[in-house]
Amino acid sequence: MAVNKPVGDNARKGAVKKRSQVKTKIGGATAWTKRSKKSGEFMAVKKPAKKTKVAKKFKGVRVEKRAGKKKKARAGGRR
C-alpha cells in the first residue's frame, strides 16, 4: 500500500495501483495514454509540450509491455 504522508507535500511513495500506461501516437507526436486495469478503458492522455515531439510519462504508473514482440530463437541452443 502506498504511504502518502505528510499530506500536502505533493509526493507519492509507491506505485499507482490498478493503472497502466501505453505509448501512442497523436498527429505524429508520441503521447502516453493511461488505462484502467479493471475496466480496460482509457482514462487520460498526456500530450507533448508545444516545442517537443515526445510527452512525459505518468508518474508512478506502470508501463504495459508491447504486444506481438517475441524473442528470436538462438541458433545452436544453450551450452
C-alpha atoms as a PDB file:
ATOM      1  CA  MET A   1       0.000   0.000   0.000  1.00  0.00           C
ATOM      2  CA  ALA A   2       1.259   3.481  -0.838  1.00  0.00           C
ATOM      3  CA  VAL A   3       2.185   5.763   2.032  1.00  0.00           C
ATOM      4  CA  ASN A   4       1.300   9.368   1.249  1.00  0.00           C
ATOM      5  CA  LYS A   5       2.375  11.296   4.337  1.00  0.00           C
ATOM      6  CA  PRO A   6       2.951  14.155   5.073  1.00  0.00           C
ATOM      7  CA  VAL A   7      -0.220  15.456   3.474  1.00  0.00           C
ATOM      8  CA  GLY A   8       0.291  18.337   1.067  1.00  0.00           C
ATOM      9  CA  ASP A   9       3.934  17.719   0.130  1.00  0.00           C
ATOM     10  CA  ASN A  10       2.839  16.771  -3.430  1.00  0.00           C
ATOM     11  CA  ALA A  11       4.798  13.485  -3.445  1.00  0.00           C
ATOM     12  CA  ARG A  12       3.697   9.871  -3.629  1.00  0.00           C
ATOM     13  CA  LYS A  13       5.644   6.910  -2.254  1.00  0.00           C
ATOM     14  CA  GLY A  14       4.873   3.687  -4.076  1.00  0.00           C
ATOM     15  CA  ALA A  15       3.152   2.742  -7.308  1.00  0.00           C
ATOM     16  CA  VAL A  16      -0.299   3.682  -8.557  1.00  0.00           C
ATOM     17  CA  LYS A  17      -2.458   0.558  -8.312  1.00  0.00           C
ATOM     18  CA  LYS A  18      -4.954  -0.618 -10.945  1.00  0.00           C
ATOM     19  CA  ARG A  19      -3.485   1.610 -13.683  1.00  0.00           C
ATOM     20  CA  SER A  20      -1.140   1.129 -16.613  1.00  0.00           C
ATOM     21  CA  GLN A  21       0.110   3.331 -19.435  1.00  0.00           C
ATOM     22  CA  VAL A  22       0.807   2.682 -23.083  1.00  0.00           C
ATOM     23  CA  LYS A  23       2.707   4.721 -25.690  1.00  0.00           C
ATOM     24  CA  THR A  24       0.532   6.077 -28.523  1.00  0.00           C
ATOM     25  CA  LYS A  25       0.830   8.476 -31.447  1.00  0.00           C
ATOM     26  CA  ILE A  26      -1.246  11.634 -31.848  1.00  0.00           C
ATOM     27  CA  GLY A  27      -0.707  13.571 -35.059  1.00  0.00           C
ATOM     28  CA  GLY A  28       2.824  12.245 -35.495  1.00  0.00           C
ATOM     29  CA  ALA A  29       3.853  13.057 -31.910  1.00  0.00           C
ATOM     30  CA  THR A  30       4.373  10.463 -29.179  1.00  0.00           C
ATOM     31  CA  ALA A  31       1.897  10.559 -26.272  1.00  0.00           C
ATOM     32  CA  TRP A  32       1.200   8.420 -23.168  1.00  0.00           C
ATOM     33  CA  THR A  33      -2.299   7.064 -22.520  1.00  0.00           C
ATOM     34  CA  LYS A  34      -3.371   5.933 -19.045  1.00  0.00           C
ATOM     35  CA  ARG A  35      -5.635   2.867 -18.849  1.00  0.00           C
ATOM     36  CA  SER A  36      -7.743   1.354 -16.050  1.00  0.00           C
ATOM     37  CA  LYS A  37      -6.877  -2.293 -15.335  1.00  0.00           C
ATOM     38  CA  LYS A  38     -10.362  -3.034 -14.044  1.00  0.00           C
ATOM     39  CA  SER A  39     -12.471  -1.835 -16.984  1.00  0.00           C
ATOM     40  CA  GLY A  40      -9.797  -1.501 -19.687  1.00  0.00           C
ATOM     41  CA  GLU A  41     -10.994   1.970 -20.646  1.00  0.00           C
ATOM     42  CA  PHE A  42      -8.585   4.792 -21.463  1.00  0.00           C
ATOM     43  CA  MET A  43      -8.632   7.428 -18.763  1.00  0.00           C
ATOM     44  CA  ALA A  44      -6.274  10.236 -19.749  1.00  0.00           C
ATOM     45  CA  VAL A  45      -3.752  11.224 -22.410  1.00  0.00           C
ATOM     46  CA  LYS A  46      -0.539  13.102 -21.723  1.00  0.00           C
ATOM     47  CA  LYS A  47       0.313  15.130 -24.817  1.00  0.00           C
ATOM     48  CA  PRO A  48       3.739  16.554 -25.619  1.00  0.00           C
ATOM     49  CA  ALA A  49       4.577  20.204 -24.975  1.00  0.00           C
ATOM     50  CA  LYS A  50       4.282  22.570 -27.947  1.00  0.00           C
ATOM     51  CA  LYS A  51       8.041  22.631 -28.656  1.00  0.00           C
ATOM     52  CA  THR A  52       8.661  18.882 -28.263  1.00  0.00           C
ATOM     53  CA  LYS A  53       7.515  15.737 -30.063  1.00  0.00           C
ATOM     54  CA  VAL A  54       7.646  13.407 -27.030  1.00  0.00           C
ATOM     55  CA  ALA A  55       5.391  13.555 -23.964  1.00  0.00           C
ATOM     56  CA  LYS A  56       6.482  12.727 -20.410  1.00  0.00           C
ATOM     57  CA  LYS A  57       5.170   9.579 -18.709  1.00  0.00           C
ATOM     58  CA  PHE A  58       2.581   9.495 -15.927  1.00  0.00           C
ATOM     59  CA  LYS A  59       4.368   9.329 -12.557  1.00  0.00           C
ATOM     60  CA  GLY A  60       4.204   6.026 -10.701  1.00  0.00           C
ATOM     61  CA  VAL A  61       2.077   4.242 -13.327  1.00  0.00           C
ATOM     62  CA  ARG A  62       3.478   1.001 -14.753  1.00  0.00           C
ATOM     63  CA  VAL A  63       4.204   0.740 -18.486  1.00  0.00           C
ATOM     64  CA  GLU A  64       2.426  -2.009 -20.424  1.00  0.00           C
ATOM     65  CA  LYS A  65       4.581  -4.442 -22.337  1.00  0.00           C
ATOM     66  CA  ARG A  66       4.299  -4.243 -26.103  1.00  0.00           C
ATOM     67  CA  ALA A  67       2.186  -6.995 -27.623  1.00  0.00           C
ATOM     68  CA  GLY A  68       3.490  -9.044 -30.518  1.00  0.00           C
ATOM     69  CA  LYS A  69       7.203  -8.744 -29.818  1.00  0.00           C
ATOM     70  CA  LYS A  70       8.743 -12.177 -29.382  1.00  0.00           C
ATOM     71  CA  LYS A  71      12.326 -13.132 -28.684  1.00  0.00           C
ATOM     72  CA  LYS A  72      14.188 -14.749 -31.530  1.00  0.00           C
ATOM     73  CA  ALA A  73      15.338 -18.337 -31.066  1.00  0.00           C
ATOM     74  CA  ARG A  74      19.085 -18.638 -30.665  1.00  0.00           C
ATOM     75  CA  ALA A  75      20.938 -20.768 -33.188  1.00  0.00           C
ATOM     76  CA  GLY A  76      22.666 -23.742 -31.599  1.00  0.00           C
ATOM     77  CA  GLY A  77      20.722 -23.637 -28.348  1.00  0.00           C
ATOM     78  CA  ARG A  78      22.184 -23.291 -24.850  1.00  0.00           C
ATOM     79  CA  ARG A  79      25.528 -24.664 -23.785  1.00  0.00           C
END
